[in-house]
Amino acid sequence: MTLFGVVFDKLRKINVLLTGDYNNIAIKAYQERLPVLCVGNLNKVDDVLMLNNLLPFELDNI
């Protein structure tokens, strides 16, 4: 899936590979237009940002 996040003070597209429960959370967030909170290792490969090794991936409680 593709998320939008702030990287070095700019809004950027970030690709994330989700499985299992994380995929269900992402679907709910998309359907209900809810923000998500996720932390991981951000890598750039061929001008594409990838977020790997997600620790939490959850709905953000604003």
N, C-alpha and C. Protein backbone atom coordinates (compact mmCIF):
# COMPACT_ATOMS: atom_id res chain seq x y z
N MET A 1 0.84 -1.15 0.00
CA MET A 1 0.00 0.00 0.00
C MET A 1 0.89 1.22 0.00
N THR A 2 0.32 2.35 -0.35
CA THR A 2 1.05 3.60 -0.37
C THR A 2 0.45 4.54 0.66
N LEU A 3 1.31 5.07 1.52
CA LEU A 3 0.92 6.05 2.53
C LEU A 3 1.52 7.39 2.15
N PHE A 4 0.98 8.44 2.71
CA PHE A 4 1.60 9.75 2.59
C PHE A 4 2.13 10.13 3.96
N GLY A 5 3.37 10.59 4.00
CA GLY A 5 3.98 10.98 5.26
C GLY A 5 4.99 12.09 5.05
N VAL A 6 5.32 12.77 6.11
CA VAL A 6 6.28 13.86 6.04
C VAL A 6 7.69 13.30 6.24
N VAL A 7 8.54 13.55 5.25
CA VAL A 7 9.94 13.13 5.29
C VAL A 7 10.78 14.36 4.97
N PHE A 8 11.63 14.75 5.90
CA PHE A 8 12.46 15.95 5.71
C PHE A 8 11.61 17.16 5.34
N ASP A 9 10.54 17.36 6.09
CA ASP A 9 9.64 18.52 5.94
C ASP A 9 8.88 18.57 4.62
N LYS A 10 8.77 17.47 3.90
CA LYS A 10 7.99 17.41 2.66
C LYS A 10 7.06 16.21 2.71
N LEU A 11 5.85 16.39 2.19
CA LEU A 11 4.89 15.29 2.10
C LEU A 11 5.31 14.37 0.96
N ARG A 12 5.49 13.09 1.28
CA ARG A 12 5.97 12.13 0.27
C ARG A 12 5.15 10.85 0.30
N LYS A 13 5.17 10.14 -0.83
CA LYS A 13 4.55 8.82 -0.91
C LYS A 13 5.53 7.81 -0.33
N ILE A 14 5.01 6.91 0.50
CA ILE A 14 5.84 5.88 1.13
C ILE A 14 5.16 4.53 0.91
N ASN A 15 5.86 3.59 0.32
CA ASN A 15 5.32 2.26 0.09
C ASN A 15 5.55 1.38 1.31
N VAL A 16 4.51 0.62 1.68
CA VAL A 16 4.57 -0.26 2.84
C VAL A 16 3.96 -1.60 2.45
N LEU A 17 4.62 -2.70 2.79
CA LEU A 17 4.08 -4.03 2.56
C LEU A 17 3.41 -4.48 3.85
N LEU A 18 2.11 -4.73 3.79
CA LEU A 18 1.34 -5.11 4.97
C LEU A 18 0.82 -6.54 4.84
N THR A 19 0.78 -7.24 5.97
CA THR A 19 0.23 -8.59 6.00
C THR A 19 -0.66 -8.74 7.23
N GLY A 20 -1.50 -9.73 7.20
CA GLY A 20 -2.32 -10.12 8.36
C GLY A 20 -3.15 -9.01 8.93
N ASP A 21 -3.04 -8.83 10.25
CA ASP A 21 -3.85 -7.83 10.95
C ASP A 21 -3.56 -6.42 10.48
N TYR A 22 -2.32 -6.14 10.09
CA TYR A 22 -1.98 -4.80 9.61
C TYR A 22 -2.79 -4.46 8.35
N ASN A 23 -3.00 -5.45 7.51
CA ASN A 23 -3.79 -5.23 6.30
C ASN A 23 -5.24 -4.87 6.66
N ASN A 24 -5.80 -5.55 7.66
CA ASN A 24 -7.17 -5.25 8.10
C ASN A 24 -7.27 -3.84 8.69
N ILE A 25 -6.26 -3.43 9.43
CA ILE A 25 -6.24 -2.07 9.99
C ILE A 25 -6.19 -1.04 8.86
N ALA A 26 -5.38 -1.30 7.85
CA ALA A 26 -5.25 -0.38 6.72
C ALA A 26 -6.57 -0.25 5.96
N ILE A 27 -7.28 -1.35 5.79
CA ILE A 27 -8.57 -1.32 5.10
C ILE A 27 -9.57 -0.48 5.89
N LYS A 28 -9.62 -0.69 7.20
CA LYS A 28 -10.53 0.08 8.05
C LYS A 28 -10.18 1.57 8.00
N ALA A 29 -8.89 1.89 8.08
CA ALA A 29 -8.46 3.29 8.03
C ALA A 29 -8.85 3.93 6.71
N TYR A 30 -8.69 3.20 5.63
CA TYR A 30 -9.06 3.73 4.31
C TYR A 30 -10.57 3.96 4.22
N GLN A 31 -11.35 2.98 4.61
CA GLN A 31 -12.81 3.07 4.51
C GLN A 31 -13.37 4.18 5.37
N GLU A 32 -12.81 4.39 6.56
CA GLU A 32 -13.33 5.37 7.49
C GLU A 32 -12.53 6.67 7.50
N ARG A 33 -11.54 6.76 6.59
CA ARG A 33 -10.70 7.95 6.47
C ARG A 33 -10.04 8.32 7.79
N LEU A 34 -9.43 7.32 8.44
CA LEU A 34 -8.77 7.51 9.72
C LEU A 34 -7.25 7.52 9.52
N PRO A 35 -6.53 8.32 10.29
CA PRO A 35 -5.07 8.31 10.18
C PRO A 35 -4.49 7.08 10.86
N VAL A 36 -3.32 6.65 10.39
CA VAL A 36 -2.62 5.52 11.02
C VAL A 36 -1.28 6.01 11.58
N LEU A 37 -0.77 5.26 12.52
CA LEU A 37 0.53 5.52 13.11
C LEU A 37 1.39 4.30 12.85
N CYS A 38 2.57 4.52 12.26
CA CYS A 38 3.48 3.40 12.04
C CYS A 38 4.92 3.88 12.14
N VAL A 39 5.78 2.98 12.59
CA VAL A 39 7.20 3.27 12.76
C VAL A 39 7.98 2.11 12.15
N GLY A 40 9.06 2.42 11.46
CA GLY A 40 9.88 1.39 10.86
C GLY A 40 11.14 1.97 10.28
N ASN A 41 11.81 1.19 9.45
CA ASN A 41 13.04 1.63 8.78
C ASN A 41 12.67 2.16 7.41
N LEU A 42 13.01 3.43 7.15
CA LEU A 42 12.70 4.06 5.87
C LEU A 42 13.92 3.96 4.97
N ASN A 43 13.72 3.35 3.80
CA ASN A 43 14.80 3.18 2.82
C ASN A 43 14.36 3.77 1.50
N LYS A 44 15.33 4.30 0.76
CA LYS A 44 15.05 4.83 -0.58
C LYS A 44 15.77 3.96 -1.59
N VAL A 45 14.99 3.38 -2.52
CA VAL A 45 15.54 2.53 -3.56
C VAL A 45 15.00 3.02 -4.90
N ASP A 46 15.90 3.48 -5.77
CA ASP A 46 15.50 3.97 -7.09
C ASP A 46 14.39 5.01 -6.99
N ASP A 47 14.55 6.02 -6.16
CA ASP A 47 13.60 7.12 -5.98
C ASP A 47 12.26 6.69 -5.39
N VAL A 48 12.20 5.50 -4.79
CA VAL A 48 10.99 5.01 -4.14
C VAL A 48 11.29 4.83 -2.65
N LEU A 49 10.45 5.43 -1.80
CA LEU A 49 10.61 5.27 -0.36
C LEU A 49 9.84 4.03 0.10
N MET A 50 10.51 3.17 0.85
CA MET A 50 9.91 1.96 1.40
C MET A 50 10.06 1.97 2.91
N LEU A 51 8.97 1.65 3.62
CA LEU A 51 9.01 1.53 5.07
C LEU A 51 8.99 0.04 5.41
N ASN A 52 10.07 -0.43 6.03
CA ASN A 52 10.22 -1.85 6.38
C ASN A 52 10.31 -2.02 7.88
N ASN A 53 10.17 -3.26 8.34
CA ASN A 53 10.29 -3.61 9.76
C ASN A 53 9.36 -2.78 10.64
N LEU A 54 8.09 -2.79 10.28
CA LEU A 54 7.11 -2.03 11.06
C LEU A 54 7.03 -2.56 12.48
N LEU A 55 7.03 -1.67 13.43
CA LEU A 55 6.85 -2.07 14.83
C LEU A 55 5.37 -1.95 15.15
N PRO A 56 4.84 -0.76 15.38
CA PRO A 56 3.38 -0.70 15.46
C PRO A 56 2.81 -0.26 14.12
N PHE A 57 1.64 -0.70 13.81
CA PHE A 57 0.83 -0.16 12.71
C PHE A 57 -0.57 -0.16 13.27
N GLU A 58 -1.04 1.02 13.64
CA GLU A 58 -2.32 1.11 14.34
C GLU A 58 -3.05 2.39 13.96
N LEU A 59 -4.32 2.42 14.29
CA LEU A 59 -5.10 3.62 14.09
C LEU A 59 -4.60 4.68 15.06
N ASP A 60 -4.44 5.90 14.57
CA ASP A 60 -3.95 6.98 15.41
C ASP A 60 -5.09 7.58 16.21
N ASN A 61 -4.90 7.69 17.51
CA ASN A 61 -5.89 8.30 18.39
C ASN A 61 -5.59 9.78 18.49
N ILE A 62 -6.26 10.56 17.68
CA ILE A 62 -6.00 12.01 17.65
C ILE A 62 -6.71 12.67 18.82
